[in-house]
């Protein structure tokens, strides 16, 4: 099985549930037993530095905490772009990885910029593969600028347009399925 680690999952036309409608998920882990990712285009109203002092040390181009997914919404994860990928606690793709934590908290060594998530998206064995077979998700290579976009509300449409072909039409779909 090929891993989807480092790929984007773009919600397809068949995803109507509020948790994933028009989302873009960066896959951080994927193997035969499970998959884990973070919704990268759903900012919350919470400001990271106000939520925890430890998060105030992070180089955040966007100070908001993002809804990473419906699993463990109280758990915090931080993804970052590293000057040297060797600093990443878990490298996802290119220079993007998870920030590690130690006795002094989150390590910011070598981090150029970061993004904070509450919760994550998770799939059990075979679950994501089944959803892919059903056409629920569109796969696209992740780019650093996808994670750090200044317009997260446009990311779903922008990535579909970048993919081209039939996906350009999908990018015009309304967020409200009853309006289509």
N, C-alpha and C. Protein backbone atom coordinates (compact mmCIF):
# COMPACT_ATOMS: atom_id res chain seq x y z
N UNK A 1 0.84 -1.18 0.00
CA UNK A 1 0.00 0.00 0.00
C UNK A 1 0.88 1.24 0.00
N UNK A 2 0.55 2.20 -0.84
CA UNK A 2 1.25 3.48 -0.85
C UNK A 2 0.73 4.36 0.26
N UNK A 3 1.61 5.08 0.89
CA UNK A 3 1.20 5.99 1.96
C UNK A 3 0.70 7.30 1.36
N UNK A 4 -0.25 7.89 2.04
CA UNK A 4 -0.75 9.21 1.66
C UNK A 4 -0.13 10.31 2.52
N UNK A 5 0.82 9.94 3.35
CA UNK A 5 1.49 10.91 4.21
C UNK A 5 2.05 12.04 3.34
N UNK A 6 1.74 13.28 3.74
CA UNK A 6 2.21 14.43 3.00
C UNK A 6 1.31 14.85 1.85
N UNK A 7 0.20 14.16 1.69
CA UNK A 7 -0.77 14.50 0.64
C UNK A 7 -1.92 15.30 1.25
N UNK A 8 -2.64 16.00 0.40
CA UNK A 8 -3.87 16.67 0.82
C UNK A 8 -5.05 15.81 0.43
N UNK A 9 -6.02 15.75 1.31
CA UNK A 9 -7.32 15.17 1.00
C UNK A 9 -8.28 16.35 0.87
N UNK A 10 -8.87 16.49 -0.29
CA UNK A 10 -9.81 17.57 -0.54
C UNK A 10 -11.20 16.94 -0.55
N UNK A 11 -12.08 17.47 0.29
CA UNK A 11 -13.44 16.91 0.39
C UNK A 11 -14.12 16.97 -0.97
N UNK A 12 -14.67 15.82 -1.36
CA UNK A 12 -15.38 15.73 -2.63
C UNK A 12 -16.84 16.13 -2.48
N UNK A 13 -17.56 16.05 -3.58
CA UNK A 13 -18.96 16.48 -3.62
C UNK A 13 -19.86 15.65 -2.72
N UNK A 14 -19.46 14.41 -2.41
CA UNK A 14 -20.30 13.53 -1.61
C UNK A 14 -20.18 13.71 -0.11
N UNK A 15 -19.32 14.59 0.34
CA UNK A 15 -19.17 14.80 1.78
C UNK A 15 -20.08 15.95 2.20
N UNK A 16 -21.14 15.60 2.94
CA UNK A 16 -22.12 16.60 3.35
C UNK A 16 -22.04 16.95 4.83
N UNK A 17 -21.41 16.10 5.63
CA UNK A 17 -21.32 16.34 7.06
C UNK A 17 -20.54 17.61 7.38
N UNK A 18 -20.96 18.32 8.42
CA UNK A 18 -20.34 19.59 8.78
C UNK A 18 -18.86 19.44 9.14
N UNK A 19 -18.45 18.30 9.67
CA UNK A 19 -17.07 18.12 10.11
C UNK A 19 -16.07 18.20 8.95
N UNK A 20 -16.49 17.78 7.75
CA UNK A 20 -15.54 17.72 6.64
C UNK A 20 -16.00 18.42 5.37
N UNK A 21 -17.16 19.03 5.38
CA UNK A 21 -17.66 19.71 4.17
C UNK A 21 -16.66 20.78 3.74
N UNK A 22 -16.22 20.70 2.50
CA UNK A 22 -15.29 21.64 1.86
C UNK A 22 -14.00 21.84 2.68
N UNK A 23 -13.50 20.74 3.22
CA UNK A 23 -12.25 20.82 3.98
C UNK A 23 -11.07 20.35 3.13
N UNK A 24 -9.90 20.75 3.60
CA UNK A 24 -8.64 20.28 3.06
C UNK A 24 -7.87 19.71 4.25
N UNK A 25 -7.52 18.43 4.15
CA UNK A 25 -6.84 17.73 5.24
C UNK A 25 -5.42 17.37 4.81
N UNK A 26 -4.45 17.77 5.62
CA UNK A 26 -3.07 17.35 5.39
C UNK A 26 -2.87 16.03 6.11
N UNK A 27 -2.52 14.98 5.39
CA UNK A 27 -2.31 13.66 5.99
C UNK A 27 -0.92 13.65 6.63
N UNK A 28 -0.90 13.45 7.95
CA UNK A 28 0.36 13.46 8.70
C UNK A 28 0.90 12.06 8.95
N UNK A 29 0.03 11.07 8.98
CA UNK A 29 0.40 9.66 9.17
C UNK A 29 -0.56 8.81 8.36
N UNK A 30 -0.04 7.74 7.74
CA UNK A 30 -0.91 6.81 7.03
C UNK A 30 -0.16 5.50 6.82
N UNK A 31 -0.77 4.43 7.32
CA UNK A 31 -0.25 3.09 7.07
C UNK A 31 -1.44 2.14 7.05
N UNK A 32 -1.16 0.83 7.03
CA UNK A 32 -2.27 -0.14 6.92
C UNK A 32 -3.17 -0.17 8.14
N UNK A 33 -2.72 0.36 9.28
CA UNK A 33 -3.54 0.28 10.49
C UNK A 33 -4.36 1.54 10.78
N UNK A 34 -3.94 2.69 10.25
CA UNK A 34 -4.72 3.92 10.49
C UNK A 34 -4.19 5.07 9.65
N UNK A 35 -4.90 6.19 9.77
CA UNK A 35 -4.48 7.44 9.12
C UNK A 35 -4.84 8.58 10.06
N UNK A 36 -4.03 9.62 10.02
CA UNK A 36 -4.24 10.79 10.87
C UNK A 36 -3.88 12.02 10.05
N UNK A 37 -4.70 13.06 10.18
CA UNK A 37 -4.42 14.30 9.46
C UNK A 37 -5.00 15.49 10.19
N UNK A 38 -4.79 16.66 9.61
CA UNK A 38 -5.26 17.91 10.20
C UNK A 38 -5.99 18.73 9.14
N UNK A 39 -7.19 19.20 9.49
CA UNK A 39 -7.94 20.10 8.61
C UNK A 39 -7.20 21.43 8.64
N UNK A 40 -6.71 21.86 7.50
CA UNK A 40 -5.85 23.06 7.46
C UNK A 40 -6.59 24.33 7.07
N UNK A 41 -7.89 24.24 6.81
CA UNK A 41 -8.62 25.43 6.35
C UNK A 41 -9.82 25.81 7.22
N UNK A 42 -9.78 25.45 8.50
CA UNK A 42 -10.88 25.81 9.41
C UNK A 42 -10.37 26.54 10.65
N UNK A 43 -10.13 27.85 10.53
CA UNK A 43 -9.67 28.59 11.71
C UNK A 43 -10.81 28.76 12.73
N UNK A 44 -10.43 28.79 13.98
CA UNK A 44 -11.41 29.06 15.04
C UNK A 44 -11.28 30.53 15.43
N UNK A 45 -12.04 30.92 16.41
CA UNK A 45 -11.95 32.29 16.94
C UNK A 45 -10.88 32.38 18.03
N UNK A 46 -10.37 31.23 18.49
CA UNK A 46 -9.41 31.22 19.58
C UNK A 46 -8.03 31.67 19.11
N UNK A 47 -7.40 32.50 19.92
CA UNK A 47 -6.04 32.97 19.65
C UNK A 47 -5.08 32.10 20.45
N UNK A 48 -4.09 31.53 19.77
CA UNK A 48 -3.18 30.57 20.39
C UNK A 48 -2.50 31.14 21.63
N UNK A 49 -1.97 32.35 21.54
CA UNK A 49 -1.23 32.95 22.66
C UNK A 49 -2.13 33.18 23.87
N UNK A 50 -3.43 33.36 23.66
CA UNK A 50 -4.37 33.54 24.76
C UNK A 50 -4.79 32.21 25.37
N UNK A 51 -4.67 31.14 24.58
CA UNK A 51 -5.09 29.82 25.06
C UNK A 51 -4.06 29.19 25.98
N UNK A 52 -2.77 29.42 25.70
CA UNK A 52 -1.70 28.83 26.52
C UNK A 52 -0.43 29.64 26.35
N UNK A 53 0.21 29.96 27.46
CA UNK A 53 1.46 30.74 27.41
C UNK A 53 2.50 30.09 26.52
N UNK A 54 2.56 28.78 26.55
CA UNK A 54 3.55 28.04 25.77
C UNK A 54 3.40 28.31 24.26
N UNK A 55 2.16 28.53 23.82
CA UNK A 55 1.91 28.77 22.40
C UNK A 55 2.32 30.18 21.97
N UNK A 56 2.48 31.08 22.93
CA UNK A 56 2.87 32.46 22.63
C UNK A 56 4.29 32.54 22.07
N UNK A 57 5.12 31.53 22.32
CA UNK A 57 6.51 31.52 21.84
C UNK A 57 6.62 31.11 20.37
N UNK A 58 5.55 30.63 19.79
CA UNK A 58 5.61 30.10 18.43
C UNK A 58 5.58 31.22 17.38
N UNK A 59 6.32 31.04 16.29
CA UNK A 59 6.24 32.01 15.19
C UNK A 59 5.01 31.71 14.33
N UNK A 60 3.90 32.35 14.69
CA UNK A 60 2.61 32.07 14.05
C UNK A 60 2.23 33.19 13.09
N UNK A 61 2.28 32.96 11.78
CA UNK A 61 1.81 33.98 10.85
C UNK A 61 0.30 34.24 11.01
N UNK A 62 -0.44 33.22 11.42
CA UNK A 62 -1.86 33.35 11.73
C UNK A 62 -2.01 32.96 13.20
N UNK A 63 -2.42 33.88 14.06
CA UNK A 63 -2.44 33.60 15.49
C UNK A 63 -3.57 32.68 15.96
N UNK A 64 -4.50 32.35 15.07
CA UNK A 64 -5.66 31.54 15.47
C UNK A 64 -5.30 30.06 15.61
N UNK A 65 -6.09 29.38 16.43
CA UNK A 65 -6.03 27.92 16.53
C UNK A 65 -7.00 27.37 15.49
N UNK A 66 -6.57 26.36 14.75
CA UNK A 66 -7.40 25.76 13.72
C UNK A 66 -8.08 24.50 14.25
N UNK A 67 -9.32 24.26 13.76
CA UNK A 67 -10.03 23.03 14.08
C UNK A 67 -9.37 21.93 13.24
N UNK A 68 -8.55 21.10 13.88
CA UNK A 68 -7.82 20.07 13.15
C UNK A 68 -8.67 18.89 12.75
N UNK A 69 -9.79 18.72 13.41
CA UNK A 69 -10.69 17.61 13.10
C UNK A 69 -11.52 17.27 14.31
N UNK A 70 -12.44 16.33 14.11
CA UNK A 70 -13.39 16.01 15.18
C UNK A 70 -12.86 15.10 16.29
N UNK A 71 -11.69 14.50 16.10
CA UNK A 71 -11.15 13.57 17.10
C UNK A 71 -10.36 14.35 18.15
N UNK A 72 -10.63 14.09 19.40
CA UNK A 72 -9.96 14.73 20.54
C UNK A 72 -9.81 16.24 20.36
N UNK A 73 -10.94 16.97 20.29
CA UNK A 73 -10.87 18.41 20.05
C UNK A 73 -10.12 19.19 21.14
N UNK A 74 -9.90 18.60 22.30
CA UNK A 74 -9.14 19.27 23.35
C UNK A 74 -7.63 19.07 23.24
N UNK A 75 -7.21 18.19 22.35
CA UNK A 75 -5.77 17.93 22.16
C UNK A 75 -5.18 18.98 21.22
N UNK A 76 -3.97 19.43 21.52
CA UNK A 76 -3.30 20.44 20.71
C UNK A 76 -2.13 19.80 19.97
N UNK A 77 -2.01 20.14 18.70
CA UNK A 77 -0.87 19.72 17.88
C UNK A 77 -0.35 20.95 17.15
N UNK A 78 0.94 20.99 16.91
CA UNK A 78 1.55 22.11 16.20
C UNK A 78 2.36 21.57 15.04
N UNK A 79 2.07 22.10 13.85
CA UNK A 79 2.85 21.79 12.67
C UNK A 79 3.70 23.00 12.35
N UNK A 80 4.88 22.74 11.82
CA UNK A 80 5.76 23.85 11.51
C UNK A 80 6.56 23.62 10.25
N UNK A 81 7.06 24.74 9.74
CA UNK A 81 8.03 24.70 8.65
C UNK A 81 9.39 24.89 9.30
N UNK A 82 10.31 23.99 9.02
CA UNK A 82 11.61 23.97 9.68
C UNK A 82 12.72 24.45 8.75
N UNK A 83 13.68 25.17 9.33
CA UNK A 83 14.88 25.57 8.59
C UNK A 83 15.63 24.33 8.12
N UNK A 84 15.67 23.32 8.98
CA UNK A 84 16.32 22.04 8.70
C UNK A 84 15.33 20.96 9.11
N UNK A 85 14.88 20.10 8.17
CA UNK A 85 13.89 19.07 8.50
C UNK A 85 14.30 18.16 9.65
N UNK A 86 15.59 18.09 9.99
CA UNK A 86 16.06 17.27 11.09
C UNK A 86 15.53 17.72 12.45
N UNK A 87 15.04 18.96 12.53
CA UNK A 87 14.46 19.47 13.78
C UNK A 87 13.04 18.96 14.03
N UNK A 88 12.37 18.46 12.99
CA UNK A 88 10.97 18.04 13.12
C UNK A 88 10.85 16.82 14.01
N UNK A 89 9.82 16.82 14.86
CA UNK A 89 9.51 15.65 15.67
C UNK A 89 9.02 14.51 14.80
N UNK A 90 8.28 14.84 13.75
CA UNK A 90 7.76 13.88 12.80
C UNK A 90 7.67 14.63 11.47
N UNK A 91 8.53 14.32 10.53
CA UNK A 91 8.53 14.99 9.24
C UNK A 91 7.36 14.47 8.41
N UNK A 92 6.58 15.38 7.84
CA UNK A 92 5.40 15.01 7.05
C UNK A 92 5.71 15.08 5.56
N UNK A 93 6.24 16.21 5.10
CA UNK A 93 6.71 16.35 3.72
C UNK A 93 7.64 17.55 3.66
N UNK A 94 8.60 17.50 2.75
CA UNK A 94 9.53 18.61 2.58
C UNK A 94 10.10 19.09 3.90
N UNK A 95 9.86 20.33 4.23
CA UNK A 95 10.34 20.92 5.49
C UNK A 95 9.22 21.06 6.52
N UNK A 96 8.09 20.40 6.29
CA UNK A 96 6.92 20.48 7.18
C UNK A 96 6.88 19.26 8.09
N UNK A 97 6.73 19.52 9.38
CA UNK A 97 6.63 18.43 10.34
C UNK A 97 5.95 18.87 11.61
N UNK A 98 5.80 17.93 12.52
CA UNK A 98 5.20 18.22 13.82
C UNK A 98 6.29 18.71 14.75
N UNK A 99 5.93 19.68 15.57
CA UNK A 99 6.87 20.15 16.58
C UNK A 99 6.91 19.15 17.71
N UNK A 100 8.09 18.84 18.16
CA UNK A 100 8.26 17.94 19.28
C UNK A 100 8.08 18.67 20.61
N UNK A 101 7.94 17.91 21.66
CA UNK A 101 7.83 18.49 23.00
C UNK A 101 8.81 17.79 23.92
N UNK A 102 9.33 18.54 24.85
CA UNK A 102 10.26 18.00 25.83
C UNK A 102 9.89 18.48 27.21
N UNK A 103 10.79 18.35 28.17
CA UNK A 103 10.50 18.77 29.53
C UNK A 103 10.16 20.26 29.66
N UNK A 104 10.70 21.08 28.75
CA UNK A 104 10.41 22.51 28.79
C UNK A 104 9.22 22.88 27.92
N UNK A 105 8.54 21.92 27.35
CA UNK A 105 7.38 22.20 26.51
C UNK A 105 7.70 22.03 25.04
N UNK A 106 6.96 22.75 24.20
CA UNK A 106 7.11 22.66 22.76
C UNK A 106 8.46 23.24 22.35
N UNK A 107 9.18 22.49 21.53
CA UNK A 107 10.48 22.95 21.05
C UNK A 107 10.27 23.81 19.81
N UNK A 108 10.81 25.04 19.84
CA UNK A 108 10.70 25.93 18.69
C UNK A 108 12.02 26.04 17.93
N UNK A 109 12.99 25.22 18.30
CA UNK A 109 14.30 25.27 17.65
C UNK A 109 14.17 24.94 16.17
N UNK A 110 14.69 25.84 15.34
CA UNK A 110 14.68 25.62 13.90
C UNK A 110 13.35 25.86 13.21
N UNK A 111 12.34 26.37 13.93
CA UNK A 111 11.02 26.57 13.35
C UNK A 111 10.95 27.95 12.70
N UNK A 112 10.63 28.00 11.41
CA UNK A 112 10.47 29.27 10.70
C UNK A 112 9.07 29.84 10.94
N UNK A 113 8.07 28.98 10.90
CA UNK A 113 6.68 29.39 11.16
C UNK A 113 5.89 28.15 11.54
N UNK A 114 4.77 28.38 12.23
CA UNK A 114 4.01 27.25 12.77
C UNK A 114 2.51 27.53 12.66
N UNK A 115 1.73 26.46 12.87
CA UNK A 115 0.27 26.53 12.87
C UNK A 115 -0.23 25.59 13.96
N UNK A 116 -1.19 26.06 14.75
CA UNK A 116 -1.70 25.31 15.90
C UNK A 116 -3.07 24.72 15.57
N UNK A 117 -3.27 23.46 15.98
CA UNK A 117 -4.52 22.75 15.72
C UNK A 117 -5.09 22.19 17.02
N UNK A 118 -6.42 22.24 17.14
CA UNK A 118 -7.10 21.52 18.22
C UNK A 118 -7.81 20.35 17.57
N UNK A 119 -7.50 19.16 18.04
CA UNK A 119 -8.08 17.96 17.47
C UNK A 119 -7.41 17.54 16.18
N UNK A 120 -7.89 16.44 15.65
CA UNK A 120 -7.34 15.91 14.40
C UNK A 120 -8.39 15.06 13.70
N UNK A 121 -8.11 14.70 12.48
CA UNK A 121 -8.95 13.79 11.71
C UNK A 121 -8.29 12.42 11.77
N UNK A 122 -9.07 11.40 12.04
CA UNK A 122 -8.50 10.06 12.15
C UNK A 122 -9.36 9.01 11.47
N UNK A 123 -8.71 7.98 10.95
CA UNK A 123 -9.37 6.88 10.29
C UNK A 123 -8.78 5.57 10.78
N UNK A 124 -9.60 4.57 10.98
CA UNK A 124 -9.14 3.24 11.36
C UNK A 124 -8.67 2.46 10.14
N UNK A 125 -8.23 1.25 10.37
CA UNK A 125 -7.72 0.38 9.31
C UNK A 125 -8.73 0.26 8.17
N UNK A 126 -8.32 0.62 6.97
CA UNK A 126 -9.15 0.49 5.78
C UNK A 126 -10.22 1.54 5.60
N UNK A 127 -10.48 2.35 6.61
CA UNK A 127 -11.56 3.33 6.54
C UNK A 127 -11.29 4.41 5.49
N UNK A 128 -10.11 4.99 5.51
CA UNK A 128 -9.80 6.03 4.53
C UNK A 128 -9.79 5.44 3.12
N UNK A 129 -9.24 4.26 2.96
CA UNK A 129 -9.21 3.61 1.64
C UNK A 129 -10.63 3.41 1.11
N UNK A 130 -11.55 3.02 1.98
CA UNK A 130 -12.96 2.86 1.57
C UNK A 130 -13.55 4.18 1.12
N UNK A 131 -13.26 5.24 1.87
CA UNK A 131 -13.77 6.57 1.51
C UNK A 131 -13.19 7.03 0.18
N UNK A 132 -11.91 6.72 -0.06
CA UNK A 132 -11.30 7.06 -1.35
C UNK A 132 -11.94 6.28 -2.49
N UNK A 133 -12.21 4.99 -2.27
CA UNK A 133 -12.87 4.16 -3.29
C UNK A 133 -14.25 4.70 -3.63
N UNK A 134 -14.93 5.29 -2.64
CA UNK A 134 -16.27 5.86 -2.85
C UNK A 134 -16.22 7.25 -3.49
N UNK A 135 -15.02 7.79 -3.66
CA UNK A 135 -14.88 9.11 -4.27
C UNK A 135 -15.12 10.26 -3.32
N UNK A 136 -15.06 9.98 -2.01
CA UNK A 136 -15.31 11.03 -1.03
C UNK A 136 -14.21 12.08 -1.00
N UNK A 137 -12.99 11.68 -1.32
CA UNK A 137 -11.84 12.58 -1.23
C UNK A 137 -11.11 12.66 -2.56
N UNK A 138 -10.54 13.82 -2.83
CA UNK A 138 -9.67 14.05 -3.97
C UNK A 138 -8.26 14.20 -3.40
N UNK A 139 -7.29 13.55 -4.00
CA UNK A 139 -5.91 13.60 -3.50
C UNK A 139 -5.10 14.59 -4.34
N UNK A 140 -4.28 15.39 -3.65
CA UNK A 140 -3.39 16.35 -4.32
C UNK A 140 -2.12 16.47 -3.50
N UNK A 141 -1.01 16.69 -4.16
CA UNK A 141 0.26 16.91 -3.45
C UNK A 141 0.14 18.17 -2.60
N UNK A 142 0.62 18.09 -1.38
CA UNK A 142 0.62 19.25 -0.48
C UNK A 142 1.79 20.17 -0.83
N UNK A 143 1.56 21.44 -0.64
CA UNK A 143 2.60 22.46 -0.79
C UNK A 143 2.69 23.24 0.52
N UNK A 144 3.84 23.77 0.80
CA UNK A 144 4.03 24.54 2.03
C UNK A 144 3.01 25.67 2.10
N UNK A 145 2.77 26.34 0.98
CA UNK A 145 1.84 27.47 0.99
C UNK A 145 0.40 27.05 1.28
N UNK A 146 0.06 25.78 1.07
CA UNK A 146 -1.28 25.30 1.44
C UNK A 146 -1.47 25.37 2.96
N UNK A 147 -0.46 24.96 3.69
CA UNK A 147 -0.53 24.96 5.15
C UNK A 147 -0.59 26.38 5.70
N UNK A 148 0.13 27.29 5.07
CA UNK A 148 0.24 28.65 5.60
C UNK A 148 -0.49 29.69 4.75
N UNK A 149 -1.52 29.28 4.05
CA UNK A 149 -2.28 30.22 3.23
C UNK A 149 -2.82 31.37 4.08
N UNK A 150 -2.86 32.53 3.49
CA UNK A 150 -3.43 33.70 4.16
C UNK A 150 -4.95 33.74 3.99
N UNK A 151 -5.47 32.88 3.12
CA UNK A 151 -6.90 32.84 2.86
C UNK A 151 -7.42 31.41 3.02
N UNK A 152 -7.50 30.91 4.26
CA UNK A 152 -7.93 29.52 4.45
C UNK A 152 -9.34 29.24 3.93
N UNK A 153 -10.21 30.24 3.90
CA UNK A 153 -11.56 30.03 3.41
C UNK A 153 -11.60 29.80 1.89
N UNK A 154 -10.52 30.11 1.19
CA UNK A 154 -10.43 29.90 -0.25
C UNK A 154 -9.64 28.64 -0.62
N UNK A 155 -8.99 28.01 0.35
CA UNK A 155 -8.06 26.92 0.05
C UNK A 155 -8.73 25.75 -0.67
N UNK A 156 -9.91 25.34 -0.23
CA UNK A 156 -10.60 24.21 -0.85
C UNK A 156 -10.78 24.48 -2.35
N UNK A 157 -11.30 25.64 -2.68
CA UNK A 157 -11.51 26.01 -4.09
C UNK A 157 -10.18 26.13 -4.84
N UNK A 158 -9.21 26.78 -4.21
CA UNK A 158 -7.93 27.00 -4.87
C UNK A 158 -7.21 25.70 -5.21
N UNK A 159 -7.23 24.74 -4.29
CA UNK A 159 -6.53 23.47 -4.54
C UNK A 159 -7.25 22.67 -5.64
N UNK A 160 -8.58 22.70 -5.64
CA UNK A 160 -9.32 22.01 -6.70
C UNK A 160 -9.04 22.64 -8.06
N UNK A 161 -8.99 23.96 -8.11
CA UNK A 161 -8.67 24.64 -9.38
C UNK A 161 -7.26 24.31 -9.83
N UNK A 162 -6.33 24.25 -8.89
CA UNK A 162 -4.95 23.90 -9.21
C UNK A 162 -4.88 22.50 -9.81
N UNK A 163 -5.70 21.59 -9.30
CA UNK A 163 -5.71 20.22 -9.80
C UNK A 163 -6.20 20.17 -11.23
N UNK A 164 -7.13 21.07 -11.58
CA UNK A 164 -7.59 21.20 -12.95
C UNK A 164 -8.63 20.18 -13.37
N UNK A 165 -8.90 20.14 -14.65
CA UNK A 165 -9.85 19.20 -15.24
C UNK A 165 -11.22 19.28 -14.60
N UNK A 166 -11.79 18.12 -14.34
CA UNK A 166 -13.15 18.03 -13.78
C UNK A 166 -13.25 18.67 -12.40
N UNK A 167 -12.13 18.86 -11.73
CA UNK A 167 -12.14 19.40 -10.38
C UNK A 167 -12.40 20.91 -10.35
N UNK A 168 -12.19 21.57 -11.48
CA UNK A 168 -12.50 22.99 -11.56
C UNK A 168 -14.01 23.18 -11.37
N UNK A 169 -14.81 22.33 -11.97
CA UNK A 169 -16.27 22.41 -11.82
C UNK A 169 -16.65 22.18 -10.36
N UNK A 170 -16.04 21.19 -9.71
CA UNK A 170 -16.33 20.90 -8.31
C UNK A 170 -16.02 22.12 -7.44
N UNK A 171 -15.00 22.88 -7.79
CA UNK A 171 -14.60 24.05 -7.00
C UNK A 171 -15.67 25.14 -6.98
N UNK A 172 -16.62 25.07 -7.88
CA UNK A 172 -17.68 26.09 -7.93
C UNK A 172 -18.88 25.72 -7.06
N UNK A 173 -18.85 24.53 -6.47
CA UNK A 173 -19.97 24.06 -5.66
C UNK A 173 -20.15 24.93 -4.42
N UNK A 174 -21.37 25.23 -4.11
CA UNK A 174 -21.70 26.05 -2.95
C UNK A 174 -21.43 25.27 -1.66
N UNK A 175 -21.12 26.01 -0.60
CA UNK A 175 -20.92 25.38 0.72
C UNK A 175 -22.23 24.84 1.26
N UNK A 176 -23.34 25.36 0.77
CA UNK A 176 -24.67 24.90 1.19
C UNK A 176 -25.18 23.93 0.14
N UNK A 177 -25.23 22.61 0.43
CA UNK A 177 -25.62 21.63 -0.58
C UNK A 177 -27.04 21.83 -1.12
N UNK A 178 -27.90 22.50 -0.37
CA UNK A 178 -29.27 22.72 -0.86
C UNK A 178 -29.31 23.82 -1.91
N UNK A 179 -28.22 24.58 -2.05
CA UNK A 179 -28.17 25.67 -3.03
C UNK A 179 -27.66 25.20 -4.38
N UNK A 180 -27.24 23.95 -4.49
CA UNK A 180 -26.68 23.44 -5.76
C UNK A 180 -27.77 22.99 -6.68
